[in-house]
Amino acid sequence: MATHEVELKALMLASLDGDAASHRALLDRLSRRLRAYYKGKLAGIGRDATEAEDLVQEAVLAIHINDIPTIQRSR
């Protein structure tokens, strides 16, 4: 497992335990990674950074609201 994956997993587990600082850190790190990914992909098809930011916000909101409570610790 890559270093960033280990870090994200640790933050996710701490977040699931109710650690608010870890939850914020998790969403921040995910936002940065998603932003870089979307900007690169969208730039390749002539789209701007504003669209990338919209996608980042949608993804992070979905993770925050829907996915974190349902993640199993065994993963």
C-alpha atoms as a PDB file:
ATOM      1  CA  MET A   1       0.000   0.000   0.000  1.00  0.00           C
ATOM      2  CA  ALA A   2       1.386   3.430  -0.950  1.00  0.00           C
ATOM      3  CA  THR A   3       2.260   5.940   1.769  1.00  0.00           C
ATOM      4  CA  HIS A   4      -0.617   8.259   0.879  1.00  0.00           C
ATOM      5  CA  GLU A   5      -3.055   5.333   1.048  1.00  0.00           C
ATOM      6  CA  VAL A   6      -1.817   4.395   4.512  1.00  0.00           C
ATOM      7  CA  GLU A   7      -2.222   7.993   5.649  1.00  0.00           C
ATOM      8  CA  LEU A   8      -5.724   8.289   4.187  1.00  0.00           C
ATOM      9  CA  LYS A   9      -6.754   4.989   5.768  1.00  0.00           C
ATOM     10  CA  ALA A  10      -5.506   6.139   9.186  1.00  0.00           C
ATOM     11  CA  LEU A  11      -7.392   9.403   8.827  1.00  0.00           C
ATOM     12  CA  MET A  12     -10.524   7.547   7.733  1.00  0.00           C
ATOM     13  CA  LEU A  13     -10.400   5.212  10.727  1.00  0.00           C
ATOM     14  CA  ALA A  14      -9.835   8.094  13.139  1.00  0.00           C
ATOM     15  CA  SER A  15     -12.667   9.971  11.480  1.00  0.00           C
ATOM     16  CA  LEU A  16     -14.950   6.974  11.967  1.00  0.00           C
ATOM     17  CA  ASP A  17     -14.016   7.064  15.654  1.00  0.00           C
ATOM     18  CA  GLY A  18     -15.283  10.639  15.830  1.00  0.00           C
ATOM     19  CA  ASP A  19     -12.000  12.556  15.566  1.00  0.00           C
ATOM     20  CA  ALA A  20     -13.088  15.855  14.003  1.00  0.00           C
ATOM     21  CA  ALA A  21      -9.532  16.991  13.230  1.00  0.00           C
ATOM     22  CA  SER A  22      -8.850  13.753  11.346  1.00  0.00           C
ATOM     23  CA  HIS A  23     -12.119  14.147   9.470  1.00  0.00           C
ATOM     24  CA  ARG A  24     -11.141  17.657   8.339  1.00  0.00           C
ATOM     25  CA  ALA A  25      -7.645  16.463   7.412  1.00  0.00           C
ATOM     26  CA  LEU A  26      -9.085  13.558   5.423  1.00  0.00           C
ATOM     27  CA  LEU A  27     -11.414  15.793   3.432  1.00  0.00           C
ATOM     28  CA  ASP A  28      -8.584  18.293   2.865  1.00  0.00           C
ATOM     29  CA  ARG A  29      -6.188  15.656   1.534  1.00  0.00           C
ATOM     30  CA  LEU A  30      -8.858  14.080  -0.622  1.00  0.00           C
ATOM     31  CA  SER A  31      -9.764  17.517  -1.985  1.00  0.00           C
ATOM     32  CA  ARG A  32      -6.164  18.211  -2.972  1.00  0.00           C
ATOM     33  CA  ARG A  33      -5.762  14.860  -4.722  1.00  0.00           C
ATOM     34  CA  LEU A  34      -9.100  15.140  -6.502  1.00  0.00           C
ATOM     35  CA  ARG A  35      -8.394  18.736  -7.545  1.00  0.00           C
ATOM     36  CA  ALA A  36      -5.093  17.771  -9.163  1.00  0.00           C
ATOM     37  CA  TYR A  37      -6.707  14.795 -10.891  1.00  0.00           C
ATOM     38  CA  TYR A  38      -9.697  16.699 -12.253  1.00  0.00           C
ATOM     39  CA  LYS A  39      -7.644  19.713 -13.365  1.00  0.00           C
ATOM     40  CA  GLY A  40      -5.323  17.446 -15.336  1.00  0.00           C
ATOM     41  CA  LYS A  41      -8.132  15.487 -16.949  1.00  0.00           C
ATOM     42  CA  LEU A  42     -10.248  18.537 -17.775  1.00  0.00           C
ATOM     43  CA  ALA A  43      -7.309  20.547 -19.108  1.00  0.00           C
ATOM     44  CA  GLY A  44      -6.738  17.741 -21.600  1.00  0.00           C
ATOM     45  CA  ILE A  45     -10.175  18.365 -23.091  1.00  0.00           C
ATOM     46  CA  GLY A  46     -10.046  22.157 -22.977  1.00  0.00           C
ATOM     47  CA  ARG A  47     -12.035  22.710 -19.768  1.00  0.00           C
ATOM     48  CA  ASP A  48     -11.073  25.173 -17.046  1.00  0.00           C
ATOM     49  CA  ALA A  49     -10.248  24.905 -13.354  1.00  0.00           C
ATOM     50  CA  THR A  50     -13.691  26.138 -12.315  1.00  0.00           C
ATOM     51  CA  GLU A  51     -15.249  22.933 -13.568  1.00  0.00           C
ATOM     52  CA  ALA A  52     -12.627  20.916 -11.714  1.00  0.00           C
ATOM     53  CA  GLU A  53     -13.464  22.738  -8.502  1.00  0.00           C
ATOM     54  CA  ASP A  54     -17.161  21.979  -8.963  1.00  0.00           C
ATOM     55  CA  LEU A  55     -16.361  18.274  -9.331  1.00  0.00           C
ATOM     56  CA  VAL A  56     -14.120  18.330  -6.257  1.00  0.00           C
ATOM     57  CA  GLN A  57     -16.846  19.926  -4.163  1.00  0.00           C
ATOM     58  CA  GLU A  58     -19.441  17.406  -5.331  1.00  0.00           C
ATOM     59  CA  ALA A  59     -17.154  14.449  -4.642  1.00  0.00           C
ATOM     60  CA  VAL A  60     -16.085  15.637  -1.193  1.00  0.00           C
ATOM     61  CA  LEU A  61     -19.652  16.418  -0.213  1.00  0.00           C
ATOM     62  CA  ALA A  62     -20.763  12.948  -1.322  1.00  0.00           C
ATOM     63  CA  ILE A  63     -17.949  11.351   0.674  1.00  0.00           C
ATOM     64  CA  HIS A  64     -18.771  13.460   3.710  1.00  0.00           C
ATOM     65  CA  ILE A  65     -22.498  12.800   3.647  1.00  0.00           C
ATOM     66  CA  ASN A  66     -22.855   9.299   2.231  1.00  0.00           C
ATOM     67  CA  ASP A  67     -19.774   7.150   2.253  1.00  0.00           C
ATOM     68  CA  ILE A  68     -17.917   7.669   5.512  1.00  0.00           C
ATOM     69  CA  PRO A  69     -20.661   6.251   7.767  1.00  0.00           C
ATOM     70  CA  THR A  70     -20.938   3.078   5.665  1.00  0.00           C
ATOM     71  CA  ILE A  71     -17.259   2.153   5.339  1.00  0.00           C
ATOM     72  CA  GLN A  72     -16.315  -1.084   7.038  1.00  0.00           C
ATOM     73  CA  ARG A  73     -13.211  -1.198   9.184  1.00  0.00           C
ATOM     74  CA  SER A  74     -12.081  -4.477   7.612  1.00  0.00           C
ATOM     75  CA  ARG A  75     -11.191  -2.822   4.306  1.00  0.00           C
END
